[in-house]
N, C-alpha and C. Protein backbone atom coordinates (compact mmCIF):
# COMPACT_ATOMS: atom_id res chain seq x y z
N MET A 1 17.49 -25.72 -6.17
CA MET A 1 18.55 -25.48 -5.42
C MET A 1 19.88 -24.78 -6.76
N GLN A 2 19.97 -23.46 -7.54
CA GLN A 2 21.64 -23.52 -8.56
C GLN A 2 22.74 -24.19 -7.28
N GLN A 3 23.16 -24.34 -8.04
CA GLN A 3 24.93 -24.77 -7.64
C GLN A 3 25.93 -23.83 -8.57
N VAL A 4 26.75 -22.72 -8.28
CA VAL A 4 27.30 -22.31 -8.82
C VAL A 4 28.81 -23.02 -8.20
N PRO A 5 29.33 -23.55 -9.61
CA PRO A 5 30.95 -23.69 -9.23
C PRO A 5 32.20 -22.75 -8.73
N PRO A 6 33.17 -23.47 -7.64
CA PRO A 6 33.50 -21.80 -7.53
C PRO A 6 34.78 -21.14 -8.10
N ALA A 7 34.83 -22.24 -9.19
CA ALA A 7 34.97 -21.37 -9.99
C ALA A 7 34.89 -19.73 -10.87
N ALA A 8 33.24 -19.95 -10.93
CA ALA A 8 32.57 -18.76 -11.34
C ALA A 8 32.59 -17.73 -10.65
N MET A 9 31.95 -18.46 -9.03
CA MET A 9 32.62 -17.20 -8.25
C MET A 9 32.97 -16.72 -7.91
N THR A 10 34.94 -17.27 -7.21
CA THR A 10 36.59 -16.16 -8.04
C THR A 10 36.04 -15.75 -9.17
N ALA A 11 34.98 -15.23 -10.48
CA ALA A 11 35.41 -14.79 -11.60
C ALA A 11 35.37 -13.15 -10.88
N LYS A 12 34.54 -12.99 -10.75
CA LYS A 12 35.03 -11.22 -10.14
C LYS A 12 35.65 -11.52 -9.15
N PRO A 13 36.80 -10.67 -9.01
CA PRO A 13 38.25 -10.00 -8.79
C PRO A 13 38.63 -9.37 -6.70
N ASP A 14 36.29 -9.26 -6.80
CA ASP A 14 37.09 -9.06 -5.17
C ASP A 14 37.15 -9.88 -3.86
N HIS A 15 37.57 -11.03 -4.05
CA HIS A 15 37.21 -11.81 -3.20
C HIS A 15 38.15 -13.58 -4.27
N GLY A 16 38.70 -14.50 -3.04
CA GLY A 16 39.02 -15.64 -3.64
C GLY A 16 37.98 -16.55 -3.18
N GLU A 17 38.89 -17.92 -3.61
CA GLU A 17 37.83 -18.52 -3.76
C GLU A 17 38.77 -19.04 -2.02
N GLU A 18 38.61 -19.07 -1.08
CA GLU A 18 38.45 -19.23 0.00
C GLU A 18 37.02 -18.08 0.16
N GLY A 19 36.60 -17.31 -0.22
CA GLY A 19 35.76 -15.98 0.29
C GLY A 19 36.01 -15.46 0.67
N LEU A 20 35.61 -14.80 1.79
CA LEU A 20 35.98 -13.26 1.94
C LEU A 20 35.83 -13.75 3.54
N THR A 21 36.86 -13.20 4.69
CA THR A 21 37.20 -13.48 5.78
C THR A 21 36.54 -12.28 6.33
N THR A 22 36.17 -12.66 7.42
CA THR A 22 35.30 -12.15 9.08
C THR A 22 34.92 -10.57 8.77
N GLN A 23 36.88 -9.60 8.52
CA GLN A 23 36.97 -8.35 8.51
C GLN A 23 35.95 -7.68 7.37
N GLU A 24 36.87 -8.56 6.06
CA GLU A 24 35.42 -8.07 5.14
C GLU A 24 34.28 -8.28 4.76
N ALA A 25 34.05 -8.99 5.81
CA ALA A 25 32.30 -9.03 5.57
C ALA A 25 31.30 -8.03 6.75
N GLN A 26 32.17 -7.86 7.25
CA GLN A 26 31.62 -6.64 8.26
C GLN A 26 31.95 -5.15 7.42
N GLU A 27 33.08 -4.83 6.85
CA GLU A 27 33.19 -3.75 5.61
C GLU A 27 32.22 -3.59 5.09
N ARG A 28 31.81 -4.89 4.48
CA ARG A 28 30.70 -5.05 3.61
C ARG A 28 29.86 -4.39 3.89
N LEU A 29 29.59 -5.06 5.13
CA LEU A 29 27.84 -4.43 5.30
C LEU A 29 27.88 -3.15 6.43
N ALA A 30 28.99 -2.94 6.15
CA ALA A 30 29.02 -1.49 6.46
C ALA A 30 28.42 -0.43 5.39
N THR A 31 29.42 -0.77 4.35
CA THR A 31 29.75 0.20 3.61
C THR A 31 27.73 -0.14 2.12
N VAL A 32 27.84 -1.38 2.46
CA VAL A 32 26.91 -1.88 1.06
C VAL A 32 25.39 -2.43 2.49
N GLY A 33 25.45 -2.58 3.43
CA GLY A 33 24.15 -2.73 4.06
C GLY A 33 24.22 -4.56 4.31
N PRO A 34 22.93 -4.50 4.80
CA PRO A 34 22.67 -6.80 4.88
C PRO A 34 22.33 -6.98 3.91
N ASN A 35 23.04 -7.85 3.17
CA ASN A 35 22.38 -8.57 2.16
C ASN A 35 20.85 -9.50 2.37
N ALA A 36 19.70 -8.56 1.99
CA ALA A 36 18.56 -8.67 1.95
C ALA A 36 17.79 -8.31 1.23
N GLN A 37 16.50 -8.66 0.78
CA GLN A 37 15.49 -7.40 0.28
C GLN A 37 15.04 -6.61 0.91
N THR A 38 14.22 -5.54 0.00
CA THR A 38 13.58 -4.66 0.51
C THR A 38 12.18 -4.86 -0.24
N PRO A 39 11.28 -4.44 1.07
CA PRO A 39 10.03 -5.02 0.91
C PRO A 39 8.91 -4.12 -0.32
N ALA A 40 8.10 -4.97 -0.39
CA ALA A 40 7.75 -4.71 -2.21
C ALA A 40 6.99 -2.82 -1.42
N ARG A 41 6.81 -1.69 -1.73
CA ARG A 41 5.64 -0.63 -1.42
C ARG A 41 4.54 -1.06 -2.38
N ARG A 42 3.68 -1.02 -1.84
CA ARG A 42 2.09 -0.81 -1.97
C ARG A 42 1.91 0.71 -1.85
N ALA A 43 1.36 0.88 -2.55
CA ALA A 43 -0.14 1.69 -2.52
C ALA A 43 -1.76 2.01 -1.86
N ALA A 44 -1.59 2.91 -1.37
CA ALA A 44 -3.31 2.87 -0.30
C ALA A 44 -4.53 1.66 -1.52
N GLY A 45 -5.29 1.64 -0.08
CA GLY A 45 -6.24 0.52 -0.72
C GLY A 45 -7.06 1.13 -1.73
N LEU A 46 -7.77 2.50 -1.38
CA LEU A 46 -8.34 3.05 -2.50
C LEU A 46 -7.13 3.95 -3.20
N ILE A 47 -6.64 4.14 -3.83
CA ILE A 47 -5.53 4.31 -5.18
C ILE A 47 -5.40 2.92 -5.25
N GLN A 48 -4.31 1.72 -4.57
CA GLN A 48 -5.51 0.40 -5.74
C GLN A 48 -6.60 0.21 -6.11
N MET A 49 -7.44 0.82 -5.77
CA MET A 49 -9.36 0.88 -6.21
C MET A 49 -8.78 1.41 -7.31
N LEU A 50 -8.52 3.32 -6.76
CA LEU A 50 -8.91 3.77 -8.16
C LEU A 50 -8.53 3.23 -8.91
N LEU A 51 -7.10 3.15 -9.29
CA LEU A 51 -6.39 2.44 -10.58
C LEU A 51 -7.27 0.96 -11.71
N LEU A 52 -8.03 0.57 -10.49
CA LEU A 52 -8.36 -0.18 -11.27
C LEU A 52 -9.08 0.18 -12.90
N PHE A 53 -10.10 1.33 -12.44
CA PHE A 53 -11.01 2.24 -13.60
C PHE A 53 -10.60 3.02 -14.66
N THR A 54 -8.68 2.27 -14.02
CA THR A 54 -8.06 2.91 -15.48
C THR A 54 -8.30 2.14 -16.19
N ASN A 55 -8.41 0.41 -16.09
CA ASN A 55 -7.98 -1.38 -17.32
C ASN A 55 -8.93 -0.41 -18.74
N PRO A 56 -8.62 -0.50 -19.88
CA PRO A 56 -9.54 0.10 -21.00
C PRO A 56 -11.14 -0.16 -20.68
N LEU A 57 -11.63 -1.50 -20.66
CA LEU A 57 -12.30 -2.05 -20.91
C LEU A 57 -13.98 -1.01 -19.40
N VAL A 58 -12.69 -1.33 -19.04
CA VAL A 58 -13.61 -0.51 -17.55
C VAL A 58 -14.06 0.33 -17.98
N ILE A 59 -13.38 1.36 -18.82
CA ILE A 59 -13.61 3.20 -19.37
C ILE A 59 -14.67 3.06 -20.75
N MET A 60 -14.63 2.36 -21.22
CA MET A 60 -15.19 1.62 -22.07
C MET A 60 -16.82 2.06 -21.69
N LEU A 61 -16.84 0.66 -20.85
CA LEU A 61 -18.28 0.42 -19.92
C LEU A 61 -18.31 2.01 -19.30
N LEU A 62 -18.05 1.98 -18.44
CA LEU A 62 -18.46 3.77 -18.68
C LEU A 62 -18.68 4.10 -19.09
N ILE A 63 -18.05 4.70 -20.51
CA ILE A 63 -19.05 5.03 -21.46
C ILE A 63 -19.48 5.01 -21.84
N VAL A 64 -20.21 3.76 -21.86
CA VAL A 64 -21.33 3.02 -22.48
C VAL A 64 -22.22 3.49 -21.98
N SER A 65 -22.24 3.57 -20.35
CA SER A 65 -22.92 3.71 -19.68
C SER A 65 -23.70 5.25 -18.66
N ILE A 66 -22.36 6.34 -19.82
CA ILE A 66 -23.38 7.18 -19.25
C ILE A 66 -23.26 7.86 -21.40
N VAL A 67 -23.92 6.98 -21.72
CA VAL A 67 -24.52 7.22 -23.64
C VAL A 67 -25.13 6.74 -22.86
N SER A 68 -25.47 5.48 -22.29
CA SER A 68 -27.07 5.36 -22.22
C SER A 68 -28.22 5.82 -21.34
N VAL A 69 -27.46 6.69 -20.31
CA VAL A 69 -28.22 7.49 -19.49
C VAL A 69 -28.91 8.38 -21.61
N PHE A 70 -27.78 9.59 -21.96
CA PHE A 70 -28.09 9.77 -22.41
C PHE A 70 -29.19 9.98 -23.23
N VAL A 71 -28.69 8.99 -23.59
CA VAL A 71 -30.36 8.61 -24.74
C VAL A 71 -31.21 7.94 -24.06
N GLY A 72 -31.51 8.06 -22.29
CA GLY A 72 -32.75 7.39 -21.50
C GLY A 72 -32.44 6.23 -21.50
N GLU A 73 -32.05 5.71 -21.62
CA GLU A 73 -32.02 4.20 -21.21
C GLU A 73 -31.72 3.67 -19.81
N ILE A 74 -32.03 4.52 -18.88
CA ILE A 74 -31.97 4.71 -17.50
C ILE A 74 -31.37 3.03 -16.67
N VAL A 75 -32.56 2.46 -16.80
CA VAL A 75 -32.11 0.89 -16.67
C VAL A 75 -29.96 0.15 -17.02
N ASN A 76 -30.49 0.61 -18.64
CA ASN A 76 -29.22 -0.46 -18.94
C ASN A 76 -28.35 0.32 -18.35
N ALA A 77 -27.60 1.67 -18.27
CA ALA A 77 -26.99 1.77 -17.22
C ALA A 77 -26.93 2.02 -16.10
N SER A 78 -27.64 1.59 -15.16
CA SER A 78 -27.60 1.19 -13.81
C SER A 78 -27.20 -0.47 -13.49
N ILE A 79 -27.49 -1.14 -15.17
CA ILE A 79 -27.06 -2.36 -15.00
C ILE A 79 -25.50 -2.83 -15.42
N ILE A 80 -25.03 -1.32 -16.41
CA ILE A 80 -23.43 -1.69 -17.13
C ILE A 80 -22.92 -0.83 -15.87
N ALA A 81 -23.44 -0.12 -14.68
CA ALA A 81 -22.87 0.48 -13.87
C ALA A 81 -22.59 -0.04 -12.66
N LEU A 82 -23.44 -1.09 -12.16
CA LEU A 82 -23.57 -1.92 -11.38
C LEU A 82 -22.09 -2.85 -11.50
N MET A 83 -22.33 -3.27 -13.04
CA MET A 83 -21.28 -4.21 -13.18
C MET A 83 -19.83 -4.61 -12.99
N VAL A 84 -20.19 -2.59 -12.96
CA VAL A 84 -18.43 -2.76 -13.41
C VAL A 84 -18.15 -1.86 -11.87
N VAL A 85 -18.76 -1.54 -11.00
CA VAL A 85 -18.05 -1.42 -9.34
C VAL A 85 -18.58 -3.48 -9.04
N VAL A 86 -19.27 -3.57 -9.12
CA VAL A 86 -19.30 -4.51 -8.92
C VAL A 86 -17.55 -6.43 -9.20
N SER A 87 -17.20 -5.97 -10.71
CA SER A 87 -16.56 -6.46 -10.89
C SER A 87 -15.24 -5.57 -10.50
N ILE A 88 -14.85 -4.36 -9.81
CA ILE A 88 -13.90 -3.89 -9.36
C ILE A 88 -13.61 -3.46 -7.96
N VAL A 89 -14.51 -3.96 -7.16
CA VAL A 89 -15.03 -5.19 -6.22
C VAL A 89 -14.14 -5.64 -5.82
N ILE A 90 -14.89 -7.13 -6.36
CA ILE A 90 -13.77 -8.38 -7.05
C ILE A 90 -12.83 -8.63 -6.79
N ASN A 91 -12.25 -7.60 -8.10
CA ASN A 91 -10.83 -7.63 -8.71
C ASN A 91 -10.20 -6.96 -7.73
N PHE A 92 -10.31 -5.65 -6.30
CA PHE A 92 -9.84 -5.69 -5.78
C PHE A 92 -9.79 -6.50 -4.13
N VAL A 93 -10.60 -6.93 -3.94
CA VAL A 93 -10.67 -8.13 -2.54
C VAL A 93 -9.42 -9.28 -3.03
N GLN A 94 -9.88 -10.25 -4.40
CA GLN A 94 -8.42 -10.74 -4.84
C GLN A 94 -7.95 -10.75 -5.41
N THR A 95 -7.41 -9.38 -5.24
CA THR A 95 -5.73 -9.34 -5.48
C THR A 95 -5.27 -8.39 -4.16
N TRP A 96 -5.92 -7.88 -3.24
CA TRP A 96 -5.65 -7.94 -1.85
C TRP A 96 -5.42 -9.58 -1.38
N HIS A 97 -6.05 -10.27 -1.37
CA HIS A 97 -6.36 -11.31 -0.61
C HIS A 97 -4.71 -12.05 -1.45
N SER A 98 -4.53 -11.79 -2.46
CA SER A 98 -2.52 -12.57 -3.07
C SER A 98 -2.32 -11.72 -2.90
N GLN A 99 -1.84 -10.74 -2.53
CA GLN A 99 -1.38 -9.71 -2.20
C GLN A 99 -0.56 -10.58 -0.36
N ARG A 100 -1.33 -10.80 0.35
CA ARG A 100 -1.02 -10.84 2.08
C ARG A 100 -0.98 -12.12 1.73
N ALA A 101 -0.84 -13.34 0.92
CA ALA A 101 -0.62 -14.38 0.73
C ALA A 101 0.72 -14.39 0.32
N ALA A 102 0.92 -13.64 -0.23
CA ALA A 102 2.11 -13.27 -0.62
C ALA A 102 3.07 -12.40 0.30
N GLU A 103 2.17 -11.88 1.36
CA GLU A 103 3.50 -11.58 1.78
C GLU A 103 4.03 -13.21 3.28
N ARG A 104 2.47 -13.64 3.07
CA ARG A 104 3.06 -14.91 4.52
C ARG A 104 4.16 -15.50 4.49
N LEU A 105 3.37 -15.69 2.62
CA LEU A 105 4.69 -16.97 2.04
C LEU A 105 6.82 -16.41 2.21
N ARG A 106 6.61 -14.79 1.64
CA ARG A 106 8.37 -14.32 2.18
C ARG A 106 8.29 -14.76 3.32
N GLY A 107 7.27 -14.45 3.91
CA GLY A 107 8.08 -14.22 5.51
C GLY A 107 8.04 -15.34 5.96
N GLN A 108 8.14 -16.85 5.93
CA GLN A 108 7.94 -18.28 5.58
C GLN A 108 9.72 -18.32 5.22
N VAL A 109 9.53 -18.44 3.75
CA VAL A 109 10.83 -18.75 3.34
C VAL A 109 11.52 -18.16 3.34
N ALA A 110 12.53 -17.83 3.86
CA ALA A 110 13.78 -17.96 4.41
C ALA A 110 14.76 -18.08 3.69
N PRO A 111 15.62 -17.27 2.08
CA PRO A 111 16.84 -17.69 1.88
C PRO A 111 17.97 -18.10 2.79
N THR A 112 18.62 -18.31 2.28
CA THR A 112 19.69 -18.94 2.46
C THR A 112 20.80 -20.01 2.14
N ALA A 113 22.41 -19.73 1.99
CA ALA A 113 23.66 -20.10 1.61
C ALA A 113 23.86 -20.77 2.29
N PRO A 114 25.19 -21.71 2.46
CA PRO A 114 25.42 -22.25 3.59
C PRO A 114 27.69 -21.25 3.34
N MET A 115 28.24 -21.13 4.26
CA MET A 115 29.54 -20.07 4.23
C MET A 115 29.73 -21.09 4.69
N LEU A 116 31.46 -20.82 5.10
CA LEU A 116 32.42 -21.05 5.24
C LEU A 116 33.80 -19.55 5.56
N PRO A 117 33.23 -19.25 7.63
CA PRO A 117 34.29 -18.45 8.18
C PRO A 117 35.26 -18.33 7.80
N ASP A 118 35.78 -17.51 7.18
CA ASP A 118 37.58 -16.77 6.90
C ASP A 118 37.85 -18.47 6.80
N GLY A 119 37.71 -18.64 5.17
CA GLY A 119 37.40 -20.12 4.31
C GLY A 119 38.58 -21.10 5.11
N GLN A 120 37.51 -21.63 6.53
CA GLN A 120 37.40 -22.77 7.56
C GLN A 120 36.93 -23.59 6.58
């Protein structure tokens, strides 16, 4: 945890070394809102999966698969397409699990700071 010296905290002109009074804190809460992180916005699952198709390697493999179909290599085209789909599904599942784990960790960690009300 980082320690901030009192002189650095009072470098801003909006409060003194004794901190905010209860009234100032309530006014700031009313005007600015709570000092809390906003939750990260995530796209819907289908959109997340479709965005995985924008990977340049995936696009290149899909183009190679389409070219293979036109050349008559249906088996090769099918294998390449299957590899792309399996890769996308695995990537999506791993990303989904890691996002859920990060959300659970965020819920368990509560950033706190000691305070002395009204400079006491």
